[in-house]
Amino acid sequence: MIAVQTETLVGLISGLGGAVIGAGGALLGGWLQQHHQAKTARRERQHGYSRASQERALDALVQIHQVVFDYTRDHPEDTPLLEHKAKVIDKVMEHAHVARTASMLVMNAPELRERLDEVFMVLLGFPAAPMAESEQPSSARNTWLLTASQEGMDILSAAMREEPIPQSSEGFVEQMIITASFLQ
């Protein structure tokens, strides 16, 4: 009788041990799956926020380009600097600040944010640029803004297409050098 009890006891212990291990495995598997799903959902949310920020920044850069282009089209003659500032600079600054703020929310893209910071340095530094403005035709000032906004649009568009960020254009590199020299 003792032998039967031992066998029964061993069977019960084995069964109970197997049940505990099985339940523990199921709990661990469930926890790991839930953890993975939460991590995936968080990445997807971050990607969505980042994409929305890129879209806002791109829209603001397109607005800058459009404001300057419209002004150039509507005022083909060289106009005084004050009129240029009144009609274009304030709008450019407003859109540049929106684009810059939106670009700060782009996640997991340090190279993109760094390149956009260069664009915003040029756009936001434009009013202080020592361009001998009294001697510069408004077309030169407009070209400056168009070049910088196009650079930003090119950078953001490539990033949104998940392509490599393009090299800076020669015209934009010159603008950065000029801007950096007077901001120091």
Protein backbone atom coordinates (compact mmCIF):
# COMPACT_ATOMS: atom_id res chain seq x y z
CA MET A 1 0.00 0.00 0.00
CA ILE A 2 2.85 2.34 0.70
CA ALA A 3 4.16 1.76 -2.82
CA VAL A 4 0.83 2.77 -4.30
CA GLN A 5 0.73 5.86 -2.14
CA THR A 6 4.24 6.81 -3.19
CA GLU A 7 3.39 6.36 -6.85
CA THR A 8 0.23 8.36 -6.42
CA LEU A 9 2.10 11.04 -4.52
CA VAL A 10 4.81 11.19 -7.19
CA GLY A 11 2.10 11.42 -9.87
CA LEU A 12 0.32 14.19 -8.00
CA ILE A 13 3.54 16.11 -7.45
CA SER A 14 4.53 15.71 -11.12
CA GLY A 15 1.12 16.79 -12.30
CA LEU A 16 1.02 19.71 -9.91
CA GLY A 17 4.57 20.72 -10.88
CA GLY A 18 3.67 20.52 -14.56
CA ALA A 19 0.56 22.61 -13.97
CA VAL A 20 2.56 25.25 -12.07
CA ILE A 21 5.21 25.36 -14.80
CA GLY A 22 2.54 25.49 -17.51
CA ALA A 23 0.64 28.28 -15.74
CA GLY A 24 3.87 30.18 -15.11
CA GLY A 25 4.85 29.82 -18.76
CA ALA A 26 1.42 31.01 -19.88
CA LEU A 27 1.62 34.03 -17.55
CA LEU A 28 5.15 34.84 -18.68
CA GLY A 29 4.18 34.44 -22.34
CA GLY A 30 1.15 36.69 -21.85
CA TRP A 31 3.25 39.32 -20.07
CA LEU A 32 5.91 39.23 -22.80
CA GLN A 33 3.27 39.55 -25.54
CA GLN A 34 1.56 42.45 -23.75
CA HIS A 35 4.92 44.16 -23.21
CA HIS A 36 5.82 43.73 -26.89
CA GLN A 37 2.43 45.06 -28.01
CA ALA A 38 2.74 48.09 -25.73
CA LYS A 39 6.22 48.79 -27.05
CA THR A 40 5.02 48.47 -30.65
CA ALA A 41 2.05 50.74 -29.97
CA ARG A 42 4.34 53.34 -28.38
CA ARG A 43 6.67 53.23 -31.41
CA GLU A 44 3.71 53.61 -33.75
CA ARG A 45 2.40 56.61 -31.75
CA GLN A 46 5.83 58.22 -31.79
CA HIS A 47 6.12 57.62 -35.52
CA GLY A 48 2.69 59.19 -36.02
CA TYR A 49 3.60 62.24 -33.91
CA SER A 50 6.90 62.56 -35.73
CA ARG A 51 5.24 62.27 -39.14
CA ALA A 52 2.63 64.89 -38.19
CA SER A 53 5.43 67.22 -37.04
CA GLN A 54 7.27 66.73 -40.31
CA GLU A 55 4.09 67.51 -42.22
CA ARG A 56 3.52 70.71 -40.18
CA ALA A 57 7.11 71.82 -40.74
CA LEU A 58 6.92 71.06 -44.46
CA ASP A 59 3.63 72.94 -44.76
CA ALA A 60 5.15 75.99 -43.04
CA LEU A 61 8.18 75.90 -45.38
CA VAL A 62 5.86 75.65 -48.38
CA GLN A 63 3.99 78.67 -47.00
CA ILE A 64 7.27 80.63 -46.80
CA HIS A 65 8.08 79.71 -50.37
CA GLN A 66 4.59 80.68 -51.52
CA VAL A 67 4.60 84.03 -49.68
CA VAL A 68 7.92 85.02 -51.24
CA PHE A 69 6.98 83.69 -54.67
CA ASP A 70 3.63 85.55 -54.62
CA TYR A 71 5.31 88.76 -53.53
CA THR A 72 7.94 88.43 -56.26
CA ARG A 73 5.26 87.78 -58.85
CA ASP A 74 3.08 90.69 -57.67
CA HIS A 75 5.98 93.13 -57.28
CA PRO A 76 8.38 92.50 -60.18
CA GLU A 77 9.92 95.96 -59.81
CA ASP A 78 12.44 96.65 -57.10
CA THR A 79 10.52 97.92 -54.08
CA PRO A 80 11.82 99.71 -50.99
CA LEU A 81 13.08 97.54 -48.15
CA LEU A 82 10.34 98.65 -45.75
CA GLU A 83 7.61 97.45 -48.08
CA HIS A 84 9.45 94.17 -48.54
CA LYS A 85 9.69 93.70 -44.76
CA ALA A 86 6.09 94.65 -44.20
CA LYS A 87 4.73 92.24 -46.81
CA VAL A 88 7.11 89.33 -46.61
CA ILE A 89 9.49 89.25 -43.65
CA ASP A 90 6.83 89.11 -40.93
CA LYS A 91 5.03 86.24 -42.66
CA VAL A 92 8.31 84.44 -43.33
CA MET A 93 9.31 84.75 -39.66
CA GLU A 94 5.90 83.52 -38.51
CA HIS A 95 6.02 80.45 -40.76
CA ALA A 96 9.70 79.82 -39.93
CA HIS A 97 8.90 79.74 -36.21
CA VAL A 98 6.03 77.30 -36.83
CA ALA A 99 8.30 75.07 -38.92
CA ARG A 100 11.09 75.21 -36.36
CA THR A 101 8.76 74.36 -33.48
CA ALA A 102 7.25 71.46 -35.42
CA SER A 103 10.70 70.12 -36.36
CA MET A 104 11.68 69.98 -32.68
CA LEU A 105 9.05 67.26 -32.22
CA VAL A 106 10.50 65.00 -34.91
CA MET A 107 11.72 61.90 -33.09
CA ASN A 108 14.64 59.58 -33.79
CA ALA A 109 16.07 61.77 -36.54
CA PRO A 110 19.01 63.80 -35.18
CA GLU A 111 20.56 64.37 -38.63
CA LEU A 112 17.24 65.69 -39.95
CA ARG A 113 16.82 68.07 -37.00
CA GLU A 114 20.43 69.26 -37.35
CA ARG A 115 20.01 70.03 -41.06
CA LEU A 116 16.69 71.78 -40.43
CA ASP A 117 18.34 73.86 -37.69
CA GLU A 118 20.71 75.16 -40.38
CA VAL A 119 17.73 76.15 -42.53
CA PHE A 120 16.06 77.92 -39.61
CA MET A 121 19.31 79.69 -38.72
CA VAL A 122 19.32 81.16 -42.24
CA LEU A 123 15.59 81.95 -42.36
CA LEU A 124 15.33 83.40 -38.86
CA GLY A 125 18.67 85.20 -39.15
CA PHE A 126 17.67 86.79 -42.45
CA PRO A 127 16.37 90.11 -41.06
CA ALA A 128 19.67 90.72 -39.29
CA ALA A 129 21.79 89.77 -42.29
CA PRO A 130 24.28 92.50 -43.22
CA MET A 131 23.45 92.25 -46.90
CA ALA A 132 23.98 95.96 -47.56
CA GLU A 133 20.21 95.93 -47.88
CA SER A 134 19.98 99.45 -49.21
CA GLU A 135 22.09 98.31 -52.16
CA GLN A 136 20.51 94.87 -52.61
CA PRO A 137 17.53 94.62 -54.94
CA SER A 138 14.48 92.95 -53.41
CA SER A 139 14.97 90.12 -55.92
CA ALA A 140 18.24 89.21 -54.18
CA ARG A 141 16.50 89.19 -50.79
CA ASN A 142 13.67 87.12 -52.23
CA THR A 143 16.12 84.66 -53.77
CA TRP A 144 17.76 84.28 -50.35
CA LEU A 145 14.43 83.30 -48.78
CA LEU A 146 13.41 81.07 -51.69
CA THR A 147 16.75 79.20 -51.56
CA ALA A 148 16.55 78.61 -47.82
CA SER A 149 12.91 77.48 -47.85
CA GLN A 150 13.57 75.19 -50.83
CA GLU A 151 16.50 73.65 -48.95
CA GLY A 152 14.20 72.88 -46.02
CA MET A 153 11.51 71.44 -48.29
CA ASP A 154 14.09 69.21 -50.01
CA ILE A 155 15.42 67.93 -46.69
CA LEU A 156 12.00 67.21 -45.21
CA SER A 157 10.63 65.67 -48.39
CA ALA A 158 13.53 63.24 -48.61
CA ALA A 159 13.13 62.28 -44.95
CA MET A 160 9.40 61.73 -45.36
CA ARG A 161 10.05 59.50 -48.37
CA GLU A 162 12.59 57.67 -46.17
CA GLU A 163 15.39 58.53 -48.58
CA PRO A 164 18.86 59.82 -47.64
CA ILE A 165 18.92 63.51 -46.79
CA PRO A 166 20.42 65.40 -49.74
CA GLN A 167 23.63 67.39 -49.53
CA SER A 168 23.28 71.15 -49.05
CA SER A 169 23.08 73.16 -52.26
CA GLU A 170 25.95 75.54 -53.04
CA GLY A 171 23.68 78.56 -52.72
CA PHE A 172 22.49 77.43 -49.32
CA VAL A 173 26.04 76.73 -48.10
CA GLU A 174 26.94 80.33 -49.01
CA GLN A 175 23.91 81.56 -47.07
CA MET A 176 24.95 79.53 -44.02
CA ILE A 177 28.46 80.97 -44.13
CA ILE A 178 27.14 84.53 -44.37
CA THR A 179 24.56 83.95 -41.63
CA ALA A 180 27.06 82.27 -39.31
CA SER A 181 29.55 85.12 -39.78
CA PHE A 182 27.14 87.81 -38.61
CA LEU A 183 25.53 85.75 -35.84
CA GLN A 184 28.89 85.23 -34.10
